[in-house]
Protein backbone atom coordinates (compact mmCIF):
# COMPACT_ATOMS: atom_id res chain seq x y z
CA MET A 1 -109.57 26.41 77.56
CA ARG A 2 -112.45 27.86 79.56
CA VAL A 3 -113.26 31.56 79.21
CA LEU A 4 -115.60 33.87 81.10
CA LEU A 5 -116.53 36.66 78.70
CA ILE A 6 -118.29 39.69 80.18
CA GLY A 7 -120.07 41.75 77.52
CA GLU A 8 -120.48 38.96 74.98
CA SER A 9 -123.36 40.70 73.20
CA GLY A 10 -121.34 43.85 72.36
CA GLY A 11 -119.50 44.50 69.11
CA ILE A 12 -116.04 43.48 70.32
CA GLY A 13 -117.42 40.94 72.79
CA SER A 14 -119.33 39.02 70.14
CA ALA A 15 -116.28 38.98 67.85
CA LEU A 16 -114.12 37.69 70.71
CA ALA A 17 -116.67 34.95 71.40
CA VAL A 18 -116.61 33.82 67.77
CA GLU A 19 -112.81 33.69 67.64
CA LEU A 20 -112.48 31.96 71.02
CA ARG A 21 -114.99 29.29 70.01
CA ARG A 22 -113.14 28.87 66.71
CA ARG A 23 -110.15 28.03 68.91
CA ASN A 24 -112.31 25.39 70.64
CA ALA A 25 -112.57 27.36 73.87
CA GLU A 26 -115.55 26.85 76.14
CA VAL A 27 -117.02 30.36 76.41
CA VAL A 28 -119.33 31.31 79.25
CA GLY A 29 -120.80 34.64 78.19
CA LEU A 30 -122.54 37.21 80.36
CA SER A 31 -124.12 40.43 79.10
CA ARG A 32 -127.10 42.71 79.55
CA ARG A 33 -128.92 40.53 77.06
CA ASP A 34 -128.70 37.77 79.68
CA GLY A 35 -129.65 40.09 82.53
CA PHE A 36 -126.09 40.74 83.66
CA ASP A 37 -125.86 44.43 84.54
CA LEU A 38 -122.49 45.81 85.69
CA THR A 39 -124.27 48.75 87.32
CA ASP A 40 -126.23 46.42 89.63
CA PRO A 41 -123.82 45.23 92.36
CA GLU A 42 -126.26 42.68 93.77
CA ALA A 43 -126.83 41.10 90.35
CA VAL A 44 -123.09 40.98 89.65
CA GLU A 45 -122.41 39.32 92.98
CA MET A 46 -125.21 36.79 92.61
CA GLN A 47 -124.33 35.71 89.07
CA LEU A 48 -120.57 35.54 89.57
CA ALA A 49 -120.93 33.75 92.90
CA SER A 50 -122.97 31.07 91.12
CA LEU A 51 -120.18 30.26 88.64
CA SER A 52 -118.03 27.21 89.21
CA PRO A 53 -114.25 27.61 88.90
CA THR A 54 -111.94 27.51 87.15
CA PHE A 55 -111.59 29.77 84.12
CA ASP A 56 -108.32 30.07 82.21
CA MET A 57 -109.33 33.55 81.08
CA ILE A 58 -111.71 36.23 82.29
CA MET A 59 -112.23 38.88 79.63
CA LEU A 60 -114.17 42.05 80.36
CA ALA A 61 -115.32 43.50 77.02
CA SER A 62 -118.06 45.79 78.28
CA GLY A 63 -118.08 49.56 78.62
CA ALA A 64 -119.94 52.76 77.81
CA LEU A 65 -118.85 55.95 76.07
CA THR A 66 -121.63 58.01 77.63
CA SER A 67 -124.31 57.50 80.25
CA THR A 68 -126.72 60.44 80.25
CA ARG A 69 -125.46 62.31 77.17
CA GLU A 70 -125.50 61.71 73.43
CA LYS A 71 -121.79 62.59 73.12
CA PRO A 72 -118.88 62.99 75.57
CA GLU A 73 -118.33 66.39 77.20
CA LYS A 74 -116.37 68.99 75.23
CA SER A 75 -115.76 71.42 78.09
CA LEU A 76 -116.04 71.87 81.86
CA ARG A 77 -119.46 73.48 81.53
CA ASP A 78 -120.77 70.12 80.27
CA VAL A 79 -119.59 68.16 83.33
CA SER A 80 -122.37 66.71 85.51
CA ALA A 81 -122.54 64.48 88.55
CA LYS A 82 -125.01 62.16 86.81
CA GLU A 83 -122.72 61.52 83.85
CA LEU A 84 -119.68 60.98 86.06
CA THR A 85 -121.62 58.60 88.29
CA GLY A 86 -122.98 56.64 85.33
CA GLN A 87 -119.59 56.31 83.66
CA PHE A 88 -117.82 55.19 86.81
CA ALA A 89 -120.56 52.61 87.49
CA VAL A 90 -120.06 50.94 84.09
CA ASN A 91 -116.39 51.50 83.36
CA ALA A 92 -114.76 51.25 86.79
CA ILE A 93 -116.98 50.02 89.63
CA GLY A 94 -118.54 47.17 87.66
CA PRO A 95 -115.17 45.81 86.47
CA ALA A 96 -113.83 46.08 90.03
CA LEU A 97 -116.70 43.92 91.26
CA VAL A 98 -115.87 41.34 88.58
CA LEU A 99 -112.16 41.43 89.44
CA ARG A 100 -113.11 40.80 93.06
CA HIS A 101 -114.06 37.25 92.03
CA ALA A 102 -110.86 36.57 90.06
CA PRO A 103 -108.93 34.93 92.95
CA ARG A 104 -111.66 32.29 93.24
CA LEU A 105 -112.42 31.83 89.55
CA LEU A 106 -108.86 31.68 88.17
CA PRO A 107 -106.58 28.67 88.80
CA ARG A 108 -103.84 29.20 91.38
CA LYS A 109 -101.38 27.12 89.39
CA GLY A 110 -100.57 27.63 85.72
CA ARG A 111 -101.05 30.58 83.41
CA SER A 112 -104.30 32.53 83.69
CA ILE A 113 -105.57 35.82 82.30
CA PHE A 114 -107.76 38.64 83.51
CA ALA A 115 -108.11 41.33 80.86
CA ALA A 116 -110.33 44.39 80.67
CA LEU A 117 -110.89 46.66 77.70
CA SER A 118 -109.75 50.13 78.58
CA ALA A 119 -109.03 53.05 76.21
CA ARG A 120 -106.05 55.19 75.31
CA VAL A 121 -108.05 58.30 76.29
CA GLY A 122 -107.89 56.95 79.85
CA SER A 123 -104.15 57.58 79.82
CA ILE A 124 -103.26 60.66 81.89
CA GLY A 125 -99.81 60.96 80.32
CA ASP A 126 -101.18 60.73 76.76
CA ASN A 127 -103.95 63.30 77.26
CA GLN A 128 -103.20 66.20 74.91
CA ALA A 129 -106.72 67.08 73.75
CA GLY A 130 -108.81 67.46 76.91
CA GLY A 131 -112.57 66.95 77.01
CA TRP A 132 -114.39 63.66 77.52
CA TYR A 133 -114.17 64.13 81.29
CA ALA A 134 -116.34 61.28 82.56
CA TYR A 135 -115.14 58.67 80.06
CA ARG A 136 -111.46 59.57 80.49
CA ALA A 137 -111.69 59.60 84.29
CA SER A 138 -113.60 56.31 84.50
CA LYS A 139 -111.10 54.55 82.25
CA SER A 140 -108.20 56.00 84.27
CA ALA A 141 -109.87 54.57 87.36
CA LEU A 142 -110.22 51.20 85.62
CA ASN A 143 -106.51 51.22 84.80
CA GLN A 144 -105.65 51.80 88.46
CA ILE A 145 -108.02 49.02 89.56
CA ILE A 146 -106.37 46.59 87.11
CA ARG A 147 -102.88 47.66 88.18
CA THR A 148 -103.68 47.26 91.87
CA GLY A 149 -105.55 44.00 91.40
CA ALA A 150 -102.66 42.54 89.41
CA ILE A 151 -100.27 43.13 92.31
CA GLU A 152 -102.51 41.31 94.76
CA LEU A 153 -103.41 38.52 92.34
CA SER A 154 -99.75 37.77 91.59
CA ARG A 155 -99.17 36.88 95.24
CA SER A 156 -101.54 33.92 95.15
CA HIS A 157 -101.64 33.27 91.36
CA ARG A 158 -97.98 33.58 90.40
CA ASP A 159 -98.45 32.88 86.70
CA SER A 160 -101.44 35.17 86.27
CA VAL A 161 -101.59 37.99 83.73
CA CYS A 162 -103.91 40.85 84.72
CA VAL A 163 -103.90 43.67 82.18
CA ALA A 164 -105.81 46.59 80.65
CA LEU A 165 -106.10 46.58 76.85
CA HIS A 166 -106.68 49.36 74.32
CA PRO A 167 -108.43 47.82 71.29
CA GLY A 168 -108.16 50.88 69.04
CA THR A 169 -111.20 52.47 67.42
CA VAL A 170 -113.39 49.55 66.42
CA ARG A 171 -116.32 49.72 64.00
CA THR A 172 -119.28 49.07 66.34
CA ASN A 173 -122.41 50.89 67.55
CA PHE A 174 -120.13 52.29 70.25
CA THR A 175 -118.18 54.38 67.69
CA GLN A 176 -120.79 55.10 65.04
CA ASN A 177 -120.95 58.81 65.94
CA PHE A 178 -117.24 59.30 65.20
CA PRO A 179 -116.98 59.16 61.38
CA THR A 180 -113.58 60.90 61.25
CA HIS A 181 -111.80 58.15 63.18
CA GLU A 182 -110.04 55.37 61.30
CA LYS A 183 -111.79 52.20 62.40
CA THR A 184 -110.98 48.51 62.55
CA ASP A 185 -113.56 45.77 62.03
CA ALA A 186 -114.51 43.95 65.22
CA ASP A 187 -113.28 40.57 64.01
CA ILE A 188 -109.83 42.00 63.25
CA ALA A 189 -109.76 43.77 66.62
CA ALA A 190 -110.62 40.49 68.37
CA LEU A 191 -107.78 38.68 66.60
CA ARG A 192 -105.32 41.41 67.56
CA LEU A 193 -106.38 41.46 71.20
CA LEU A 194 -106.15 37.70 71.57
CA SER A 195 -102.76 37.75 69.84
CA VAL A 196 -101.54 40.24 72.43
CA LEU A 197 -102.81 38.06 75.27
CA ASP A 198 -101.16 35.00 73.71
CA GLN A 199 -97.78 36.75 73.97
CA LEU A 200 -98.00 38.30 77.44
CA LYS A 201 -96.22 36.61 80.33
CA SER A 202 -96.58 36.80 84.11
CA GLN A 203 -93.93 39.54 84.28
CA ASP A 204 -96.21 41.70 82.08
CA THR A 205 -99.03 41.62 84.60
CA GLY A 206 -100.36 44.98 85.72
CA GLY A 207 -99.62 46.58 82.36
CA PHE A 208 -101.65 48.63 79.88
CA TYR A 209 -101.20 47.48 76.27
CA ASP A 210 -102.65 48.41 72.91
CA TYR A 211 -103.68 46.09 70.09
CA SER A 212 -100.06 45.87 68.83
CA ARG A 213 -98.70 44.92 72.30
CA THR A 214 -97.19 48.39 72.75
CA ARG A 215 -97.30 49.68 76.34
CA VAL A 216 -99.61 52.64 76.79
CA ASP A 217 -98.55 55.47 79.10
CA TRP A 218 -100.48 55.57 82.38
């Protein structure tokens, strides 16, 4: 199994890399540590264009909770163009530029996976608390990109599975400022996410699933 892992140096990404290699997968990792910056379209294009197909799985484990702020917005008065722009660049535009290469990098025949880490707070139907404008909106946009990309990908890659995943609240630097949340260790989160992907079939493509394989409301 050959896997392209975007965001390998992050908390969840590094745990996924360990587990995938334990399964004897060949992992090609890209992250900011290696100079791969999702907010730089030219760099994304250059590095992905240089990769040789095919990959059985492309996993996008990168993301940002904030861009210009210490914490997400609590109210409308905190909303800014800079924060919205920064969040969309990392959480939606960057993943879209990666997904753009999926038709070339994934095999046309046989099962293949494109998965991106989203978040339950990106669900419009599940939003009961408000706040977190930029993060919520950027993850909602990611969900739409995955949904739309899955439809197109299924036409040429009939056995492909293209999904958004909610990993839960994972104990990483990403969540260290949220002590009240119940958190899962990254290695456990990685096992759960891969278990979900193991069970999904081509008819599940375009879906949004949490770590227990439960569908999340759009």
